């Protein structure tokens, strides 16, 4: 079955960087839309970026975050730079496959001094 597993979250100081990873299984990532979203307690999940050919980013991460896909390994990454406390959230990777949306369990990113 389709499964997405995120990793790489943690505690980082403001201005720091992190790399999140998303391991996909049960399908091949090539030719499938992959995306990142995030959620803070009490708020809905917000879209961060989509990587499918052209890479599209939410305005609040543009210039700081970069998606990288490695379809040979069925992996996706999110490189996050210049992190601020406002980026603190649980980050999820997702895909749309066979007409259904799938999300991983998420990885916590905390930006704090």
C-alpha atoms as a PDB file:
ATOM      1  CA  UNK A   1       0.000   0.000   0.000  1.00  0.00           C
ATOM      2  CA  UNK A   2       1.020   3.611  -0.429  1.00  0.00           C
ATOM      3  CA  UNK A   3       3.177   4.759   2.438  1.00  0.00           C
ATOM      4  CA  UNK A   4       5.084   7.969   3.080  1.00  0.00           C
ATOM      5  CA  UNK A   5       7.540   8.318   5.946  1.00  0.00           C
ATOM      6  CA  UNK A   6       9.041  11.666   6.881  1.00  0.00           C
ATOM      7  CA  UNK A   7      12.235  12.134   8.857  1.00  0.00           C
ATOM      8  CA  UNK A   8      14.838  14.762   9.627  1.00  0.00           C
ATOM      9  CA  UNK A   9      12.886  17.075  11.889  1.00  0.00           C
ATOM     10  CA  UNK A  10      14.272  18.399  15.130  1.00  0.00           C
ATOM     11  CA  UNK A  11      15.235  21.464  17.100  1.00  0.00           C
ATOM     12  CA  UNK A  12      17.148  24.191  15.294  1.00  0.00           C
ATOM     13  CA  UNK A  13      18.081  27.742  16.187  1.00  0.00           C
ATOM     14  CA  UNK A  14      16.654  30.710  14.272  1.00  0.00           C
ATOM     15  CA  UNK A  15      18.583  31.234  11.067  1.00  0.00           C
ATOM     16  CA  UNK A  16      19.539  27.585  10.920  1.00  0.00           C
ATOM     17  CA  UNK A  17      18.881  24.881   8.347  1.00  0.00           C
ATOM     18  CA  UNK A  18      17.344  21.439   8.215  1.00  0.00           C
ATOM     19  CA  UNK A  19      16.803  18.796   5.581  1.00  0.00           C
ATOM     20  CA  UNK A  20      13.606  16.791   5.721  1.00  0.00           C
ATOM     21  CA  UNK A  21      13.330  13.471   3.943  1.00  0.00           C
ATOM     22  CA  UNK A  22      10.282  11.641   2.633  1.00  0.00           C
ATOM     23  CA  UNK A  23      10.563   7.952   1.796  1.00  0.00           C
ATOM     24  CA  UNK A  24       7.807   6.658  -0.465  1.00  0.00           C
ATOM     25  CA  UNK A  25       6.775   3.042  -0.889  1.00  0.00           C
ATOM     26  CA  UNK A  26       3.898   1.177  -2.495  1.00  0.00           C
ATOM     27  CA  UNK A  27       4.142   3.281  -5.644  1.00  0.00           C
ATOM     28  CA  UNK A  28       6.798   4.874  -7.814  1.00  0.00           C
ATOM     29  CA  UNK A  29       7.294   8.588  -7.376  1.00  0.00           C
ATOM     30  CA  UNK A  30       8.158   9.225 -10.993  1.00  0.00           C
ATOM     31  CA  UNK A  31       5.297  11.014 -12.735  1.00  0.00           C
ATOM     32  CA  UNK A  32       3.447  11.493  -9.456  1.00  0.00           C
ATOM     33  CA  UNK A  33       2.856  14.771  -7.683  1.00  0.00           C
ATOM     34  CA  UNK A  34       4.738  15.094  -4.416  1.00  0.00           C
ATOM     35  CA  UNK A  35       4.126  17.915  -1.973  1.00  0.00           C
ATOM     36  CA  UNK A  36       5.002  19.235   1.466  1.00  0.00           C
ATOM     37  CA  UNK A  37       2.588  20.769   3.945  1.00  0.00           C
ATOM     38  CA  UNK A  38       2.796  21.795   7.581  1.00  0.00           C
ATOM     39  CA  UNK A  39       0.506  22.155  10.524  1.00  0.00           C
ATOM     40  CA  UNK A  40       0.651  23.847  13.903  1.00  0.00           C
ATOM     41  CA  UNK A  41      -1.671  22.958  16.783  1.00  0.00           C
ATOM     42  CA  UNK A  42      -5.048  24.618  16.457  1.00  0.00           C
ATOM     43  CA  UNK A  43      -4.603  25.457  12.789  1.00  0.00           C
ATOM     44  CA  UNK A  44      -5.333  23.668   9.560  1.00  0.00           C
ATOM     45  CA  UNK A  45      -2.683  22.081   7.429  1.00  0.00           C
ATOM     46  CA  UNK A  46      -1.092  24.593   5.072  1.00  0.00           C
ATOM     47  CA  UNK A  47       0.582  23.822   1.804  1.00  0.00           C
ATOM     48  CA  UNK A  48       4.307  24.537   1.620  1.00  0.00           C
ATOM     49  CA  UNK A  49       5.554  23.337  -1.747  1.00  0.00           C
ATOM     50  CA  UNK A  50       4.924  21.002  -4.653  1.00  0.00           C
ATOM     51  CA  UNK A  51       7.598  19.253  -6.661  1.00  0.00           C
ATOM     52  CA  UNK A  52       6.410  17.874  -9.970  1.00  0.00           C
ATOM     53  CA  UNK A  53       8.514  19.045 -12.867  1.00  0.00           C
ATOM     54  CA  UNK A  54       8.157  22.703 -11.987  1.00  0.00           C
ATOM     55  CA  UNK A  55       8.657  23.358  -8.303  1.00  0.00           C
ATOM     56  CA  UNK A  56       6.117  25.669  -6.717  1.00  0.00           C
ATOM     57  CA  UNK A  57       6.449  27.245  -3.287  1.00  0.00           C
ATOM     58  CA  UNK A  58       4.208  29.105  -0.901  1.00  0.00           C
ATOM     59  CA  UNK A  59       5.179  32.760  -0.640  1.00  0.00           C
ATOM     60  CA  UNK A  60       6.212  32.401   2.990  1.00  0.00           C
ATOM     61  CA  UNK A  61       8.962  29.864   2.115  1.00  0.00           C
ATOM     62  CA  UNK A  62       9.964  31.079  -1.333  1.00  0.00           C
ATOM     63  CA  UNK A  63      13.693  31.666  -1.518  1.00  0.00           C
ATOM     64  CA  UNK A  64      14.316  29.744   1.711  1.00  0.00           C
ATOM     65  CA  UNK A  65      13.013  26.218   1.064  1.00  0.00           C
ATOM     66  CA  UNK A  66      13.906  23.938  -1.837  1.00  0.00           C
ATOM     67  CA  UNK A  67      12.363  20.659  -2.921  1.00  0.00           C
ATOM     68  CA  UNK A  68      14.574  17.960  -4.348  1.00  0.00           C
ATOM     69  CA  UNK A  69      13.216  14.743  -5.770  1.00  0.00           C
ATOM     70  CA  UNK A  70      15.214  11.558  -6.322  1.00  0.00           C
ATOM     71  CA  UNK A  71      12.832   9.350  -8.242  1.00  0.00           C
ATOM     72  CA  UNK A  72      15.496   6.664  -8.603  1.00  0.00           C
ATOM     73  CA  UNK A  73      15.313   6.174  -4.840  1.00  0.00           C
ATOM     74  CA  UNK A  74      11.608   7.004  -4.426  1.00  0.00           C
ATOM     75  CA  UNK A  75      12.624   9.884  -2.174  1.00  0.00           C
ATOM     76  CA  UNK A  76      11.806  13.550  -1.778  1.00  0.00           C
ATOM     77  CA  UNK A  77      13.619  16.121   0.309  1.00  0.00           C
ATOM     78  CA  UNK A  78      12.878  19.575   1.642  1.00  0.00           C
ATOM     79  CA  UNK A  79      15.890  21.760   2.239  1.00  0.00           C
ATOM     80  CA  UNK A  80      14.967  24.503   4.676  1.00  0.00           C
ATOM     81  CA  UNK A  81      17.213  27.509   5.222  1.00  0.00           C
ATOM     82  CA  UNK A  82      16.926  30.737   7.205  1.00  0.00           C
ATOM     83  CA  UNK A  83      14.453  29.131   9.556  1.00  0.00           C
ATOM     84  CA  UNK A  84      12.428  31.296  11.897  1.00  0.00           C
ATOM     85  CA  UNK A  85      10.221  30.439  14.883  1.00  0.00           C
ATOM     86  CA  UNK A  86       7.218  30.890  12.588  1.00  0.00           C
ATOM     87  CA  UNK A  87       8.357  27.799  10.713  1.00  0.00           C
ATOM     88  CA  UNK A  88       7.781  25.647  13.778  1.00  0.00           C
ATOM     89  CA  UNK A  89       5.263  22.970  12.782  1.00  0.00           C
ATOM     90  CA  UNK A  90       4.769  19.336  11.968  1.00  0.00           C
ATOM     91  CA  UNK A  91       5.813  18.832   8.358  1.00  0.00           C
ATOM     92  CA  UNK A  92       4.081  16.289   6.165  1.00  0.00           C
ATOM     93  CA  UNK A  93       4.842  14.902   2.746  1.00  0.00           C
ATOM     94  CA  UNK A  94       2.000  13.875   0.528  1.00  0.00           C
ATOM     95  CA  UNK A  95       1.064  12.555  -2.848  1.00  0.00           C
ATOM     96  CA  UNK A  96      -1.963  12.033  -5.021  1.00  0.00           C
ATOM     97  CA  UNK A  97      -2.022   8.507  -6.392  1.00  0.00           C
ATOM     98  CA  UNK A  98      -4.829   6.724  -8.197  1.00  0.00           C
ATOM     99  CA  UNK A  99      -7.146   9.621  -7.411  1.00  0.00           C
ATOM    100  CA  UNK A 100      -6.568   9.599  -3.654  1.00  0.00           C
ATOM    101  CA  UNK A 101      -4.466  11.813  -1.398  1.00  0.00           C
ATOM    102  CA  UNK A 102      -1.950  10.217   0.948  1.00  0.00           C
ATOM    103  CA  UNK A 103       0.073  11.808   3.744  1.00  0.00           C
ATOM    104  CA  UNK A 104       2.811  10.615   6.014  1.00  0.00           C
ATOM    105  CA  UNK A 105       2.758  10.759   9.793  1.00  0.00           C
ATOM    106  CA  UNK A 106       4.755  13.973   9.893  1.00  0.00           C
ATOM    107  CA  UNK A 107       8.011  15.128  11.458  1.00  0.00           C
ATOM    108  CA  UNK A 108       8.256  17.897  14.044  1.00  0.00           C
ATOM    109  CA  UNK A 109      10.364  20.949  13.284  1.00  0.00           C
ATOM    110  CA  UNK A 110      10.976  23.347  16.152  1.00  0.00           C
ATOM    111  CA  UNK A 111      12.821  26.610  15.607  1.00  0.00           C
ATOM    112  CA  UNK A 112      13.853  28.134  18.898  1.00  0.00           C
ATOM    113  CA  UNK A 113      16.839  29.632  20.648  1.00  0.00           C
END
